Protein backbone atom coordinates (compact mmCIF):
# COMPACT_ATOMS: atom_id res chain seq x y z
CA SER A 1 35.70 29.35 6.16
CA PHE A 2 31.98 30.02 6.63
CA SER A 3 31.19 29.21 3.00
CA LEU A 4 33.14 25.95 3.20
CA HIS A 5 31.30 24.98 6.37
CA PHE A 6 27.98 25.84 4.75
CA SER A 7 28.82 23.76 1.70
CA ARG A 8 29.64 20.71 3.80
CA GLU A 9 26.47 21.09 5.83
CA ASP A 10 24.48 21.44 2.61
CA ASP A 11 26.11 18.27 1.22
CA ARG A 12 25.23 16.36 4.38
CA SER A 13 21.66 17.60 4.14
CA SER A 14 21.48 16.50 0.50
CA PHE A 15 22.77 13.02 1.32
CA SER A 16 20.26 12.78 4.13
CA ARG A 17 17.39 13.64 1.79
CA ILE A 18 18.64 11.16 -0.80
CA ARG A 19 18.82 8.34 1.73
CA ASP A 20 15.35 9.17 3.05
CA ALA A 21 14.06 9.08 -0.53
CA ASP A 22 15.85 5.77 -1.07
CA CYS A 23 14.11 4.23 1.96
CA ASP A 24 10.77 5.57 0.79
CA LEU A 25 11.24 4.08 -2.68
CA LEU A 26 12.20 0.68 -1.25
CA LYS A 27 9.07 0.68 0.91
CA ARG A 28 6.89 1.61 -2.06
CA PHE A 29 8.20 -1.48 -3.82
CA ASN A 30 7.53 -3.60 -0.72
CA VAL A 31 11.21 -4.44 -0.32
CA ARG A 32 11.97 -6.34 2.86
CA TYR A 33 15.47 -7.71 2.25
CA ILE A 34 18.57 -5.81 1.08
CA CYS A 35 21.31 -8.15 -0.16
CA ASP A 36 24.70 -6.49 -0.67
CA PHE A 37 27.57 -8.15 -2.57
CA MET A 38 30.23 -5.55 -1.68
CA VAL A 39 33.35 -6.78 0.13
CA GLU A 40 34.10 -3.25 1.40
CA TYR A 41 32.13 -0.75 3.45
CA LYS A 42 33.46 2.13 1.37
CA LYS A 43 35.19 2.16 -1.99
CA MET A 44 36.79 4.87 -4.13
CA LYS A 45 35.26 4.90 -7.61
CA TYR A 46 36.17 7.62 -10.10
CA TRP A 47 37.84 9.47 -7.20
CA VAL A 48 34.55 9.53 -5.28
CA PRO A 49 34.02 7.56 -2.05
CA VAL A 50 31.14 5.13 -2.62
CA THR A 51 29.41 3.63 0.40
CA SER A 52 27.08 0.70 0.70
CA SER A 53 24.76 3.09 2.46
CA GLU A 54 22.64 0.56 4.32
CA LYS A 55 25.64 -0.85 6.21
CA ALA A 56 27.50 2.46 6.54
CA ASP A 57 24.52 4.63 7.51
CA SER A 58 25.17 5.88 11.05
CA HIS A 59 21.58 7.12 11.46
CA SER A 60 19.96 3.68 11.11
CA ARG A 61 17.58 4.85 8.40
CA TYR A 62 17.36 1.30 7.08
CA HIS A 63 16.21 -0.30 10.33
CA ASP A 64 12.91 -1.31 8.71
CA PHE A 65 14.73 -3.66 6.32
CA GLU A 66 16.64 -6.89 6.83
CA ILE A 67 20.17 -6.16 5.62
CA ILE A 68 22.05 -9.28 4.52
CA PRO A 69 25.74 -8.71 3.69
CA MET A 70 26.71 -11.31 1.07
CA PRO A 71 30.36 -10.57 0.19
CA TYR A 72 31.18 -11.81 -3.31
CA PRO A 73 34.28 -11.38 -5.50
CA GLY A 74 34.27 -8.39 -7.85
CA SER A 75 34.84 -8.50 -11.60
CA GLU A 76 38.65 -8.58 -11.11
CA PHE A 77 38.37 -12.13 -9.78
CA PHE A 78 36.97 -13.35 -13.09
CA ARG A 79 40.22 -12.55 -14.84
CA VAL A 80 41.80 -14.98 -12.41
CA TRP A 81 39.02 -17.41 -13.28
CA ARG A 82 39.82 -16.98 -16.97
CA ASP A 83 43.55 -17.43 -16.37
CA SER A 84 42.82 -20.64 -14.45
CA GLY A 85 41.44 -22.17 -17.63
CA TYR A 86 37.82 -21.46 -16.66
CA LEU A 87 38.05 -23.78 -13.69
CA MET A 88 34.59 -24.42 -12.23
CA ARG A 89 35.63 -26.50 -9.23
CA GLY A 90 38.30 -25.81 -6.64
CA LEU A 91 38.89 -22.12 -7.44
CA LYS A 92 38.63 -20.05 -4.26
CA PHE A 93 38.64 -16.35 -3.52
CA ASP A 94 41.31 -15.06 -1.13
CA TRP A 95 39.33 -13.63 1.78
CA ASP A 96 42.50 -12.57 3.63
CA GLN A 97 43.27 -9.61 1.35
CA PRO A 98 43.56 -6.28 3.21
CA MET A 99 40.70 -4.73 1.21
CA ILE A 100 38.17 -7.30 2.45
CA GLU A 101 36.15 -5.67 5.23
CA VAL A 102 32.74 -7.32 5.11
CA ILE A 103 32.13 -10.60 6.88
CA LEU A 104 29.23 -12.94 6.23
CA ARG A 105 27.60 -13.43 9.62
CA PRO A 106 25.46 -16.59 9.87
CA GLU A 107 23.09 -14.91 12.32
CA SER A 108 22.16 -12.32 9.67
CA VAL A 109 21.09 -14.99 7.17
CA ARG A 110 17.45 -16.07 7.23
CA LYS A 111 17.01 -19.82 6.82
CA THR A 112 14.68 -21.17 4.16
CA ARG A 113 13.87 -24.66 2.97
CA LEU A 114 16.34 -24.20 0.12
CA SER A 115 19.19 -23.02 2.33
CA GLU A 116 18.53 -24.68 5.70
CA GLU A 117 21.41 -27.16 5.42
CA ILE A 118 24.06 -24.60 4.46
CA GLU A 119 26.82 -24.02 7.03
CA TRP A 120 27.38 -20.31 6.43
CA LYS A 121 30.33 -20.15 8.82
CA ASN A 122 32.35 -22.12 6.24
CA TYR A 123 31.85 -19.65 3.38
CA LYS A 124 35.56 -18.79 3.14
CA ASP A 125 36.32 -22.43 2.35
CA TRP A 126 33.93 -22.64 -0.61
CA ASP A 127 35.04 -22.44 -4.23
CA VAL A 128 33.38 -19.84 -6.45
CA THR A 129 30.80 -22.30 -7.80
CA THR A 130 29.71 -23.41 -4.33
CA LEU A 131 29.64 -19.81 -3.09
CA THR A 132 27.44 -18.82 -6.04
CA THR A 133 25.15 -21.82 -5.55
CA ASN A 134 24.61 -21.17 -1.85
CA TYR A 135 23.90 -17.48 -2.42
CA LEU A 136 21.35 -18.43 -5.09
CA LYS A 137 19.69 -20.86 -2.69
CA LEU A 138 19.38 -18.05 -0.16
CA LEU A 139 17.97 -15.58 -2.70
CA LEU A 140 15.55 -18.03 -4.32
CA GLY A 141 14.38 -19.21 -0.91
CA LEU A 142 13.71 -15.63 0.18
CA LEU A 143 11.89 -15.02 -3.08
CA PHE A 144 9.45 -17.83 -2.30
CA GLU A 145 9.29 -17.82 1.51
CA GLY A 146 10.14 -14.22 2.33
CA SER A 147 7.75 -11.62 3.68
CA GLY A 148 8.54 -9.02 1.02
CA GLY A 149 10.63 -8.09 -1.99
CA ILE A 150 14.41 -8.29 -2.39
CA SER A 151 16.81 -5.51 -3.37
CA ILE A 152 20.13 -6.82 -4.71
CA HIS A 153 23.13 -4.58 -5.32
CA CYS A 154 26.92 -4.31 -5.42
CA VAL A 155 28.90 -1.09 -6.01
CA SER A 156 27.91 0.08 -9.49
CA GLY A 157 25.42 -2.63 -10.42
CA TRP A 158 27.36 -3.51 -13.59
CA ASP A 159 28.74 -6.97 -12.81
CA ARG A 160 27.79 -8.84 -9.64
CA THR A 161 24.21 -7.56 -9.59
CA PRO A 162 23.50 -8.57 -13.23
CA LEU A 163 25.18 -11.91 -12.54
CA PHE A 164 22.76 -12.91 -9.79
CA ILE A 165 19.68 -11.33 -11.34
CA SER A 166 20.40 -13.15 -14.61
CA LEU A 167 21.05 -16.48 -12.89
CA MET A 168 17.84 -16.21 -10.86
CA ARG A 169 15.78 -15.32 -13.94
CA CYS A 170 17.23 -18.20 -15.98
CA LEU A 171 16.70 -20.74 -13.19
CA LEU A 172 13.09 -19.62 -12.69
CA TRP A 173 12.54 -19.77 -16.46
CA ALA A 174 13.94 -23.32 -16.58
CA ASP A 175 11.39 -24.24 -13.89
CA ASP A 176 8.55 -22.76 -16.00
CA LEU A 177 7.84 -20.24 -13.25
CA VAL A 178 8.50 -17.15 -15.39
CA HIS A 179 8.60 -16.34 -19.13
CA GLN A 180 6.90 -19.63 -19.97
CA SER A 181 6.41 -18.77 -23.64
CA LEU A 182 10.06 -17.92 -24.34
CA SER A 183 12.35 -20.26 -26.27
CA PRO A 184 16.00 -20.69 -25.18
CA PHE A 185 17.07 -18.18 -27.84
CA GLU A 186 14.46 -15.63 -26.71
CA MET A 187 15.37 -16.13 -23.06
CA LEU A 188 19.03 -15.58 -23.87
CA TYR A 189 18.15 -12.35 -25.67
CA VAL A 190 16.05 -11.11 -22.73
CA THR A 191 18.60 -11.80 -20.02
CA LEU A 192 21.52 -10.33 -22.00
CA ALA A 193 19.63 -7.19 -22.98
CA TYR A 194 17.68 -6.53 -19.80
CA ASP A 195 19.71 -8.01 -16.93
CA TRP A 196 23.20 -7.21 -18.22
CA PHE A 197 23.43 -4.44 -20.79
CA LEU A 198 20.46 -2.27 -19.83
CA PHE A 199 21.94 -2.02 -16.35
CA GLY A 200 25.37 -0.97 -17.54
CA HIS A 201 27.54 -4.07 -18.00
CA LYS A 202 30.56 -2.88 -19.98
CA LEU A 203 31.17 -5.89 -22.17
CA ARG A 204 34.01 -4.55 -24.31
CA THR A 205 35.89 -3.18 -21.29
CA ARG A 206 35.49 -6.45 -19.42
CA MET A 207 36.66 -8.49 -22.42
CA GLU A 208 39.70 -6.25 -22.95
CA MET A 209 40.62 -6.66 -19.27
CA GLY A 210 39.93 -10.39 -19.34
CA GLU A 211 37.29 -10.09 -16.61
CA GLU A 212 34.87 -12.59 -18.11
CA ILE A 213 32.10 -12.48 -15.52
CA LEU A 214 29.45 -12.67 -18.26
CA ARG A 215 30.97 -15.90 -19.52
CA PHE A 216 31.06 -17.22 -15.96
CA ALA A 217 27.28 -16.77 -15.70
CA PHE A 218 26.62 -19.17 -18.56
CA SER A 219 29.45 -21.54 -17.60
CA TYR A 220 27.77 -21.73 -14.21
CA LEU A 221 24.33 -22.46 -15.71
CA ALA A 222 25.84 -25.25 -17.82
CA GLU A 223 27.56 -26.61 -14.71
CA VAL A 224 24.39 -26.74 -12.59
CA ALA A 225 21.87 -27.64 -15.31
CA SER A 226 21.24 -31.02 -13.67
CA ASP A 227 21.32 -29.72 -10.09
CA THR A 228 17.71 -29.81 -8.90
CA SER A 229 18.69 -28.44 -5.48
CA LEU A 230 18.45 -25.03 -7.17
CA SER A 231 14.94 -25.74 -8.44
CA LEU A 232 12.00 -24.11 -6.69
CA SER A 233 9.67 -26.57 -8.40
CA ALA A 234 11.62 -29.55 -7.08
CA THR A 235 12.00 -28.12 -3.58
CA TYR A 236 8.49 -26.77 -3.08
CA HIS A 237 6.61 -29.08 -5.49
CA MET A 238 4.80 -26.37 -7.38
CA VAL A 239 4.40 -24.91 -10.84
CA VAL A 240 2.53 -22.03 -12.44
CA PRO A 241 -0.62 -23.13 -14.31
CA ALA A 242 -0.36 -23.09 -18.10
CA GLU A 243 -3.11 -20.48 -18.33
CA TYR A 244 -2.46 -18.04 -15.53
CA PRO A 245 -4.51 -14.90 -14.82
CA THR A 246 -3.57 -11.61 -16.39
CA ALA A 247 -2.95 -8.49 -14.33
CA GLU A 248 -6.60 -7.50 -14.90
CA ASP A 249 -7.94 -10.84 -13.66
CA GLY A 250 -6.14 -10.89 -10.36
CA CYS A 251 -3.11 -12.39 -8.66
CA GLN A 252 -1.28 -15.37 -10.05
CA GLU A 253 -1.42 -18.52 -7.92
CA PHE A 254 0.83 -21.56 -7.79
CA VAL A 255 -0.43 -25.12 -8.15
CA GLU A 256 1.12 -27.86 -6.04
CA ILE A 257 2.35 -30.90 -7.95
CA LYS A 258 4.52 -33.94 -7.40
CA TRP A 259 8.00 -33.46 -8.82
CA SER A 260 8.94 -35.99 -11.48
CA PRO A 261 12.02 -36.89 -13.56
CA HIS A 262 10.22 -35.44 -16.58
CA PHE A 263 10.40 -31.94 -15.10
CA ALA A 264 14.08 -32.41 -14.22
CA GLU A 265 14.92 -33.45 -17.79
CA SER A 266 12.97 -30.56 -19.29
CA ARG A 267 14.70 -28.11 -16.97
CA ARG A 268 18.14 -29.49 -17.82
CA GLU A 269 17.58 -29.33 -21.57
CA LYS A 270 16.32 -25.75 -21.45
CA LEU A 271 19.37 -24.55 -19.52
CA ARG A 272 21.85 -26.48 -21.62
CA SER A 273 20.27 -25.39 -24.91
CA MET A 274 20.47 -21.75 -23.85
CA THR A 275 24.07 -22.03 -22.69
CA GLN A 276 25.06 -23.80 -25.92
CA LEU A 277 23.59 -20.90 -27.87
CA PHE A 278 25.50 -18.41 -25.76
CA PHE A 279 28.83 -20.16 -26.21
CA SER A 280 28.42 -20.46 -29.97
CA MET A 281 28.02 -16.67 -30.05
CA TRP A 282 30.70 -15.98 -27.45
CA ASP A 283 33.32 -17.91 -29.39
CA ASN A 284 32.55 -15.80 -32.46
CA GLU A 285 32.80 -12.62 -30.40
CA VAL A 286 36.20 -13.54 -28.99
CA GLU A 287 37.57 -14.44 -32.41
CA ALA A 288 36.21 -11.25 -33.99
CA SER A 289 37.66 -9.07 -31.23
CA GLY A 290 41.13 -10.54 -31.57
CA ILE A 291 41.36 -11.29 -27.85
CA PRO A 292 43.60 -14.35 -27.32
CA ARG A 293 41.85 -17.48 -26.12
CA VAL A 294 43.00 -19.04 -22.86
CA SER A 295 44.22 -22.61 -23.08
CA GLN A 296 42.34 -25.08 -20.92
CA ALA A 297 45.73 -26.44 -19.91
CA SER A 298 46.94 -23.13 -18.52
CA SER A 299 48.64 -23.05 -15.17
CA ARG A 300 46.52 -23.17 -12.05
CA THR A 301 49.02 -21.26 -10.03
CA THR A 302 48.66 -17.50 -10.19
CA ARG A 303 49.18 -14.72 -7.72
CA GLY A 304 46.40 -12.70 -6.14
CA ALA A 305 42.85 -13.50 -5.28
CA TRP A 306 42.44 -17.26 -5.51
CA GLU A 307 43.51 -20.71 -4.47
CA SER A 308 42.99 -23.90 -6.43
CA GLY A 309 42.12 -27.32 -5.11
CA GLU A 310 42.91 -30.65 -6.71
CA SER A 311 39.66 -30.92 -8.67
CA GLU A 312 39.96 -31.77 -12.37
CA TRP A 313 36.59 -30.21 -13.25
CA ILE A 314 37.21 -27.69 -15.99
CA SER A 315 34.40 -26.00 -17.90
CA GLN A 316 34.88 -26.05 -21.65
CA SER A 317 33.60 -23.35 -23.98
CA ALA A 318 30.42 -25.38 -24.15
CA PRO A 319 29.64 -28.80 -22.67
CA SER A 320 30.78 -31.41 -25.17
CA SER A 321 27.84 -33.68 -24.42
CA LEU A 322 25.31 -31.25 -25.87
CA SER A 323 23.86 -32.86 -28.95
CA PRO A 324 21.97 -30.10 -30.88
CA SER A 325 23.82 -28.43 -33.73
CA PHE A 326 23.61 -24.66 -33.56
CA GLY A 327 25.44 -23.91 -36.79
CA GLN A 328 22.19 -22.59 -38.24
CA PHE A 329 22.27 -19.75 -35.72
CA HIS A 330 25.80 -18.54 -36.38
CA GLN A 331 25.15 -16.26 -39.34
CA PRO A 332 22.06 -14.37 -38.12
CA VAL A 333 23.09 -14.03 -34.49
CA GLY A 334 26.85 -14.50 -34.46
CA ALA A 335 27.48 -10.94 -33.30
CA MET A 336 24.37 -10.65 -31.14
CA VAL A 337 26.25 -10.12 -27.89
CA SER A 338 28.18 -7.07 -29.12
CA GLN A 339 25.23 -5.70 -31.06
CA LEU A 340 23.00 -5.98 -27.99
CA SER A 341 25.64 -4.33 -25.84
CA SER A 342 25.95 -1.32 -28.16
CA ALA A 343 22.24 -0.94 -28.85
CA VAL A 344 21.08 -1.29 -25.26
CA THR A 345 23.82 0.99 -23.94
CA SER A 346 22.72 3.71 -26.37
CA ALA A 347 19.07 3.19 -25.44
CA ALA A 348 19.87 3.29 -21.73
CA ALA A 349 21.77 6.56 -22.17
CA ALA A 350 18.78 8.07 -23.96
CA VAL A 351 16.41 6.88 -21.25
CA MET A 352 18.60 8.27 -18.48
CA SER A 353 18.81 11.59 -20.30
CA GLY A 354 15.03 11.68 -20.36
CA LEU A 355 14.80 10.77 -16.69
CA THR A 356 17.07 13.60 -15.60
CA LYS A 357 14.85 16.28 -17.13
CA PRO A 358 12.03 15.98 -14.56
CA LEU A 359 14.64 15.93 -11.80
CA SER A 360 16.20 19.13 -13.15
CA ARG A 361 12.81 20.80 -13.38
CA SER A 362 12.00 19.67 -9.84
CA ARG A 363 15.24 21.15 -8.56
CA SER A 364 14.53 24.45 -10.33
CA VAL A 365 11.06 24.60 -8.79
CA SER A 366 12.48 23.80 -5.37
CA GLU A 367 15.09 26.54 -5.70
CA SER A 368 12.49 29.10 -6.81
CA GLU A 369 10.23 28.18 -3.89
CA THR A 370 13.15 28.59 -1.51
CA ALA A 371 13.95 32.02 -2.98
CA GLU A 372 10.33 33.10 -2.60
CA SER A 373 10.16 31.92 1.00
CA ASN A 374 13.28 33.89 1.80
């Protein structure tokens, strides 16, 4: 009985130290906002209760941060999206399911110029595209107007977190605010490798289960390529100078400009070229894997986590109006998605193995110091 009690107390002490270290790390990175996509306060994962610790922490360790609950459907919803025929308009998440605990509270959402007209109280009525768009407006607005950095997370960081990080990076790239030298192909490579696979997205598992959240990311970018309401350059009338200072020269500064149709057209073409590249590869991946394709005419009535409106907007594999021919890319990069997934997963495992060694040594030192003090 005593040993069991001691073990539980020791576990609580360990969790306390971990959360204190978490807060310290966030402060070191100048994080001000914590945006959480979980729809639960606690969730069982691999038979272990996982908490979104900022919301569930009873000791208010995170009081120095602005916590913004942003409930968003998990990867399971994107099988429903696939079964709907990849419907981009009218497909809604069912917020009345018993597992849904988190509520988006308008008073917890900071208003920015990008998001000032959004009626957050209506979030349960939005389809998945509108929900995604409004969350991106909030995040991009905080990125520009906020008083510090942003930490974005879900449960494991494999699906929803990569989705929003990837979308933000691609939208900023299309605005020429980041990665200015990268071509659409290079940008696609970066966001797949770094935002998705390096952080654990399990592509093969998701494809086998039909949870095509990765495909949704690029379907979404194709859908909003012409939507300048998601453009920081259009909203704030600024760009990064062509020759910006290096880290040694000092901080990078923005230059204010007048938005023009030329910038809008350039932005649209960059996003649509990148999404066309992705879909040419994705189609090859699906065919090679033997996973059956979903007919665009599939039924819109399915049980579970969604409702469908009357909209006829259906996203095709790639927008038919895209003019460039990407046949030249098929042979060299046709299997790039799977190859990237395998290579980056292996590299990430090696990196994590290396990272655990200092932690193990630190624990050994700590234990020896404790033994000496006793």
